[in-house]
N, C-alpha and C. Protein backbone atom coordinates (compact mmCIF):
# COMPACT_ATOMS: atom_id res chain seq x y z
N MET A 1 3.82 -7.21 13.90
CA MET A 1 3.81 -6.96 12.46
C MET A 1 4.16 -8.24 11.71
N ASN A 2 5.15 -8.98 12.21
CA ASN A 2 5.52 -10.25 11.55
C ASN A 2 4.34 -11.21 11.49
N GLU A 3 3.60 -11.28 12.59
CA GLU A 3 2.44 -12.19 12.63
C GLU A 3 1.39 -11.75 11.61
N LEU A 4 1.15 -10.46 11.52
CA LEU A 4 0.15 -9.95 10.58
C LEU A 4 0.58 -10.19 9.13
N ILE A 5 1.85 -9.98 8.83
CA ILE A 5 2.35 -10.25 7.48
C ILE A 5 2.20 -11.74 7.16
N GLY A 6 2.49 -12.58 8.13
CA GLY A 6 2.30 -14.02 7.94
C GLY A 6 0.85 -14.38 7.67
N GLN A 7 -0.06 -13.74 8.39
CA GLN A 7 -1.49 -13.99 8.17
C GLN A 7 -1.91 -13.54 6.77
N ILE A 8 -1.36 -12.43 6.31
CA ILE A 8 -1.69 -11.94 4.96
C ILE A 8 -1.16 -12.91 3.91
N LYS A 9 0.06 -13.40 4.09
CA LYS A 9 0.61 -14.38 3.15
C LYS A 9 -0.23 -15.65 3.14
N GLN A 10 -0.67 -16.10 4.32
CA GLN A 10 -1.51 -17.29 4.40
C GLN A 10 -2.84 -17.04 3.70
N TRP A 11 -3.40 -15.85 3.88
CA TRP A 11 -4.64 -15.49 3.18
C TRP A 11 -4.42 -15.58 1.67
N GLY A 12 -3.27 -15.08 1.20
CA GLY A 12 -2.95 -15.15 -0.22
C GLY A 12 -2.84 -16.57 -0.73
N ILE A 13 -2.31 -17.46 0.10
CA ILE A 13 -2.24 -18.89 -0.25
C ILE A 13 -3.65 -19.47 -0.30
N ASP A 14 -4.43 -19.17 0.75
CA ASP A 14 -5.80 -19.70 0.83
C ASP A 14 -6.66 -19.25 -0.35
N LYS A 15 -6.42 -18.05 -0.84
CA LYS A 15 -7.20 -17.51 -1.95
C LYS A 15 -6.61 -17.87 -3.32
N GLY A 16 -5.49 -18.59 -3.32
CA GLY A 16 -4.91 -19.03 -4.58
C GLY A 16 -4.14 -17.94 -5.33
N ILE A 17 -3.71 -16.92 -4.60
CA ILE A 17 -2.96 -15.83 -5.23
C ILE A 17 -1.47 -16.17 -5.25
N VAL A 18 -0.94 -16.61 -4.11
CA VAL A 18 0.48 -16.95 -3.98
C VAL A 18 0.60 -18.39 -3.52
N GLY A 19 1.84 -18.84 -3.40
CA GLY A 19 2.08 -20.20 -2.93
C GLY A 19 2.23 -21.18 -4.06
N PRO A 20 2.46 -22.44 -3.72
CA PRO A 20 2.73 -23.45 -4.73
C PRO A 20 1.60 -23.65 -5.74
N ASN A 21 0.36 -23.42 -5.31
CA ASN A 21 -0.78 -23.56 -6.21
C ASN A 21 -1.37 -22.21 -6.62
N GLY A 22 -0.67 -21.14 -6.26
CA GLY A 22 -1.15 -19.80 -6.56
C GLY A 22 -1.12 -19.50 -8.04
N LYS A 23 -2.13 -18.81 -8.48
CA LYS A 23 -2.25 -18.47 -9.90
C LYS A 23 -2.06 -16.97 -10.14
N GLY A 24 -1.71 -16.22 -9.09
CA GLY A 24 -1.48 -14.79 -9.23
C GLY A 24 -0.19 -14.53 -9.98
N THR A 25 -0.15 -13.39 -10.64
CA THR A 25 1.08 -12.96 -11.31
C THR A 25 1.53 -11.64 -10.72
N LEU A 26 2.80 -11.37 -10.84
CA LEU A 26 3.34 -10.12 -10.30
C LEU A 26 2.66 -8.91 -10.95
N LEU A 27 2.55 -8.91 -12.27
CA LEU A 27 1.91 -7.77 -12.93
C LEU A 27 0.44 -7.66 -12.59
N GLY A 28 -0.24 -8.79 -12.46
CA GLY A 28 -1.64 -8.76 -12.05
C GLY A 28 -1.79 -8.19 -10.65
N GLN A 29 -0.89 -8.57 -9.76
CA GLN A 29 -0.95 -8.08 -8.39
C GLN A 29 -0.64 -6.58 -8.34
N LEU A 30 0.31 -6.14 -9.15
CA LEU A 30 0.62 -4.71 -9.17
C LEU A 30 -0.52 -3.90 -9.79
N SER A 31 -1.27 -4.49 -10.70
CA SER A 31 -2.47 -3.83 -11.21
C SER A 31 -3.49 -3.67 -10.09
N LYS A 32 -3.60 -4.69 -9.26
CA LYS A 32 -4.50 -4.60 -8.10
C LYS A 32 -4.02 -3.52 -7.14
N THR A 33 -2.70 -3.40 -6.97
CA THR A 33 -2.15 -2.34 -6.12
C THR A 33 -2.56 -0.98 -6.65
N GLN A 34 -2.44 -0.79 -7.96
CA GLN A 34 -2.81 0.49 -8.57
C GLN A 34 -4.29 0.79 -8.36
N GLU A 35 -5.12 -0.23 -8.51
CA GLU A 35 -6.57 -0.07 -8.28
C GLU A 35 -6.84 0.37 -6.85
N GLU A 36 -6.20 -0.30 -5.90
CA GLU A 36 -6.40 0.04 -4.49
C GLU A 36 -5.86 1.43 -4.18
N LEU A 37 -4.74 1.80 -4.77
CA LEU A 37 -4.17 3.12 -4.54
C LEU A 37 -5.09 4.22 -5.08
N THR A 38 -5.70 3.99 -6.22
CA THR A 38 -6.65 4.95 -6.77
C THR A 38 -7.84 5.10 -5.83
N GLU A 39 -8.36 4.00 -5.32
CA GLU A 39 -9.47 4.07 -4.37
C GLU A 39 -9.05 4.81 -3.10
N THR A 40 -7.82 4.61 -2.67
CA THR A 40 -7.30 5.29 -1.48
C THR A 40 -7.21 6.79 -1.72
N ARG A 41 -6.71 7.17 -2.88
CA ARG A 41 -6.62 8.59 -3.21
C ARG A 41 -8.00 9.22 -3.28
N ASP A 42 -8.95 8.52 -3.88
CA ASP A 42 -10.32 9.02 -3.94
C ASP A 42 -10.89 9.24 -2.54
N ALA A 43 -10.59 8.31 -1.63
CA ALA A 43 -11.06 8.45 -0.25
C ALA A 43 -10.39 9.66 0.41
N ALA A 44 -9.11 9.87 0.15
CA ALA A 44 -8.40 11.02 0.73
C ALA A 44 -9.01 12.33 0.25
N VAL A 45 -9.39 12.37 -1.01
CA VAL A 45 -10.04 13.58 -1.54
C VAL A 45 -11.34 13.83 -0.77
N ARG A 46 -12.09 12.78 -0.51
CA ARG A 46 -13.34 12.94 0.23
C ARG A 46 -13.09 13.36 1.68
N VAL A 47 -12.01 12.84 2.29
CA VAL A 47 -11.67 13.23 3.65
C VAL A 47 -11.36 14.72 3.71
N LEU A 48 -10.68 15.22 2.70
CA LEU A 48 -10.26 16.62 2.69
C LEU A 48 -11.36 17.58 2.24
N ASP A 49 -12.48 17.03 1.80
CA ASP A 49 -13.59 17.86 1.34
C ASP A 49 -14.30 18.47 2.54
N ASN A 50 -14.09 19.75 2.75
CA ASN A 50 -14.69 20.44 3.91
C ASN A 50 -16.20 20.56 3.83
N ARG A 51 -16.78 20.34 2.65
CA ARG A 51 -18.22 20.45 2.50
C ARG A 51 -18.95 19.19 2.94
N ALA A 52 -18.20 18.13 3.15
CA ALA A 52 -18.83 16.84 3.50
C ALA A 52 -19.46 16.93 4.89
N ASN A 53 -20.60 16.29 5.04
CA ASN A 53 -21.22 16.26 6.36
C ASN A 53 -20.48 15.24 7.23
N SER A 54 -20.80 15.21 8.50
CA SER A 54 -20.03 14.38 9.43
C SER A 54 -20.14 12.89 9.11
N VAL A 55 -21.30 12.42 8.68
CA VAL A 55 -21.45 11.01 8.33
C VAL A 55 -20.59 10.68 7.11
N ALA A 56 -20.61 11.55 6.11
CA ALA A 56 -19.78 11.34 4.92
C ALA A 56 -18.31 11.38 5.28
N GLN A 57 -17.94 12.26 6.20
CA GLN A 57 -16.54 12.37 6.63
C GLN A 57 -16.09 11.09 7.35
N ILE A 58 -16.94 10.57 8.21
CA ILE A 58 -16.63 9.32 8.93
C ILE A 58 -16.47 8.18 7.94
N ASN A 59 -17.37 8.10 6.96
CA ASN A 59 -17.27 7.05 5.93
C ASN A 59 -16.00 7.21 5.10
N ALA A 60 -15.65 8.44 4.77
CA ALA A 60 -14.44 8.69 3.97
C ALA A 60 -13.19 8.28 4.74
N ILE A 61 -13.16 8.58 6.03
CA ILE A 61 -12.01 8.19 6.86
C ILE A 61 -11.91 6.67 6.93
N ALA A 62 -13.04 5.99 7.08
CA ALA A 62 -13.04 4.53 7.09
C ALA A 62 -12.55 3.97 5.75
N ASP A 63 -12.99 4.59 4.66
CA ASP A 63 -12.54 4.16 3.33
C ASP A 63 -11.05 4.40 3.14
N LEU A 64 -10.54 5.51 3.68
CA LEU A 64 -9.12 5.81 3.59
C LEU A 64 -8.30 4.78 4.36
N GLN A 65 -8.74 4.47 5.56
CA GLN A 65 -8.04 3.46 6.38
C GLN A 65 -8.05 2.10 5.67
N ASP A 66 -9.20 1.71 5.14
CA ASP A 66 -9.32 0.46 4.41
C ASP A 66 -8.42 0.46 3.17
N GLY A 67 -8.40 1.57 2.46
CA GLY A 67 -7.59 1.67 1.25
C GLY A 67 -6.10 1.57 1.51
N ILE A 68 -5.64 2.24 2.57
CA ILE A 68 -4.22 2.13 2.92
C ILE A 68 -3.88 0.69 3.26
N GLY A 69 -4.73 0.05 4.05
CA GLY A 69 -4.50 -1.35 4.41
C GLY A 69 -4.53 -2.27 3.20
N ASP A 70 -5.53 -2.10 2.34
CA ASP A 70 -5.64 -2.94 1.14
C ASP A 70 -4.43 -2.77 0.23
N THR A 71 -3.94 -1.54 0.12
CA THR A 71 -2.76 -1.29 -0.72
C THR A 71 -1.55 -2.02 -0.18
N VAL A 72 -1.36 -1.98 1.14
CA VAL A 72 -0.22 -2.68 1.74
C VAL A 72 -0.36 -4.19 1.56
N VAL A 73 -1.57 -4.71 1.69
CA VAL A 73 -1.79 -6.15 1.46
C VAL A 73 -1.36 -6.53 0.05
N THR A 74 -1.75 -5.73 -0.93
CA THR A 74 -1.38 -6.07 -2.31
C THR A 74 0.13 -6.01 -2.50
N LEU A 75 0.81 -5.11 -1.81
CA LEU A 75 2.27 -5.01 -1.92
C LEU A 75 2.97 -6.19 -1.24
N ILE A 76 2.42 -6.64 -0.13
CA ILE A 76 2.99 -7.83 0.55
C ILE A 76 2.89 -9.02 -0.39
N LEU A 77 1.74 -9.19 -1.05
CA LEU A 77 1.57 -10.32 -1.96
C LEU A 77 2.40 -10.14 -3.24
N ALA A 78 2.59 -8.90 -3.69
CA ALA A 78 3.45 -8.66 -4.86
C ALA A 78 4.89 -9.06 -4.53
N ALA A 79 5.35 -8.71 -3.35
CA ALA A 79 6.71 -9.10 -2.94
C ALA A 79 6.83 -10.62 -2.94
N GLU A 80 5.81 -11.27 -2.41
CA GLU A 80 5.79 -12.73 -2.36
C GLU A 80 5.87 -13.33 -3.77
N LEU A 81 5.09 -12.77 -4.69
CA LEU A 81 5.09 -13.26 -6.07
C LEU A 81 6.43 -13.01 -6.77
N ALA A 82 7.15 -11.98 -6.33
CA ALA A 82 8.45 -11.67 -6.91
C ALA A 82 9.58 -12.44 -6.22
N GLY A 83 9.23 -13.24 -5.21
CA GLY A 83 10.25 -13.98 -4.47
C GLY A 83 11.05 -13.10 -3.53
N LEU A 84 10.45 -12.00 -3.11
CA LEU A 84 11.11 -11.06 -2.20
C LEU A 84 10.43 -11.06 -0.85
N ASP A 85 11.18 -10.68 0.17
CA ASP A 85 10.63 -10.56 1.51
C ASP A 85 10.14 -9.12 1.69
N PHE A 86 8.89 -8.93 2.05
CA PHE A 86 8.31 -7.59 2.18
C PHE A 86 9.09 -6.74 3.17
N GLU A 87 9.44 -7.31 4.31
CA GLU A 87 10.18 -6.54 5.32
C GLU A 87 11.54 -6.11 4.79
N GLU A 88 12.20 -6.96 4.01
CA GLU A 88 13.48 -6.59 3.41
C GLU A 88 13.29 -5.47 2.40
N CYS A 89 12.20 -5.51 1.64
CA CYS A 89 11.89 -4.42 0.71
C CYS A 89 11.71 -3.10 1.46
N LEU A 90 11.00 -3.17 2.57
CA LEU A 90 10.76 -1.98 3.37
C LEU A 90 12.07 -1.46 3.97
N ARG A 91 12.89 -2.37 4.45
CA ARG A 91 14.20 -1.98 5.01
C ARG A 91 15.06 -1.34 3.92
N TYR A 92 15.07 -1.92 2.73
CA TYR A 92 15.84 -1.38 1.62
C TYR A 92 15.38 0.04 1.31
N ALA A 93 14.07 0.25 1.26
CA ALA A 93 13.54 1.58 0.97
C ALA A 93 13.95 2.58 2.06
N TYR A 94 13.85 2.15 3.31
CA TYR A 94 14.23 3.06 4.40
C TYR A 94 15.71 3.40 4.33
N ASP A 95 16.54 2.40 4.06
CA ASP A 95 17.98 2.66 3.96
C ASP A 95 18.28 3.65 2.83
N GLU A 96 17.46 3.63 1.78
CA GLU A 96 17.63 4.57 0.68
C GLU A 96 17.22 6.00 1.06
N ILE A 97 16.19 6.14 1.87
CA ILE A 97 15.67 7.48 2.16
C ILE A 97 16.19 8.10 3.44
N LYS A 98 16.73 7.31 4.35
CA LYS A 98 17.03 7.82 5.69
C LYS A 98 17.98 9.00 5.71
N GLY A 99 18.89 9.09 4.78
CA GLY A 99 19.81 10.21 4.76
C GLY A 99 19.51 11.24 3.69
N ARG A 100 18.36 11.12 3.08
CA ARG A 100 17.98 11.99 1.97
C ARG A 100 17.70 13.42 2.45
N ASN A 101 18.17 14.37 1.68
CA ASN A 101 17.88 15.78 1.95
C ASN A 101 16.92 16.29 0.89
N GLY A 102 16.14 17.25 1.27
CA GLY A 102 15.20 17.82 0.32
C GLY A 102 14.40 18.92 0.97
N ARG A 103 13.29 19.24 0.33
CA ARG A 103 12.45 20.33 0.79
C ARG A 103 10.99 19.99 0.51
N MET A 104 10.11 20.68 1.19
CA MET A 104 8.69 20.52 0.96
C MET A 104 8.25 21.53 -0.10
N GLU A 105 7.52 21.04 -1.10
CA GLU A 105 6.94 21.89 -2.14
C GLU A 105 5.49 21.49 -2.33
N ASN A 106 4.61 22.43 -2.06
CA ASN A 106 3.17 22.19 -2.23
C ASN A 106 2.70 20.91 -1.54
N GLY A 107 3.20 20.68 -0.33
CA GLY A 107 2.77 19.53 0.46
C GLY A 107 3.44 18.23 0.11
N THR A 108 4.49 18.26 -0.74
CA THR A 108 5.19 17.05 -1.14
C THR A 108 6.69 17.21 -0.90
N PHE A 109 7.32 16.18 -0.35
CA PHE A 109 8.77 16.20 -0.16
C PHE A 109 9.45 15.96 -1.50
N VAL A 110 10.34 16.87 -1.87
CA VAL A 110 11.10 16.76 -3.12
C VAL A 110 12.56 16.60 -2.73
N LYS A 111 13.15 15.47 -3.10
CA LYS A 111 14.55 15.24 -2.72
C LYS A 111 15.47 16.12 -3.56
N ASN A 112 16.58 16.49 -2.92
CA ASN A 112 17.61 17.24 -3.64
C ASN A 112 18.28 16.33 -4.64
N SER A 113 18.62 16.88 -5.80
CA SER A 113 19.35 16.07 -6.79
C SER A 113 20.79 15.93 -6.31
N LYS A 114 21.42 14.85 -6.72
CA LYS A 114 22.78 14.57 -6.24
C LYS A 114 23.80 15.47 -6.84
């Protein structure tokens, strides 16, 4: 995972998004994250569509996989633009949720209020 994150950061440098000559902005990158997340959700809707034929289903699954990956790439670069370490952000999030209690409602985990 460390190697892959490093490759993504290098790709961001090579494309001029991050790094000393990078022209990307945190808000611009987060807009890209939102765009990718919307595409990912659209793909998930297609995956769940029982009327889709097998070719459409295979394409939707491929689009979902690509969308999840693209979303994570944008978040890695957003962390970089914010001067944060992506793995530390992930660790921080896990430390926040690991002891959380809650319940499932309509397919979504809802945390208990404190």
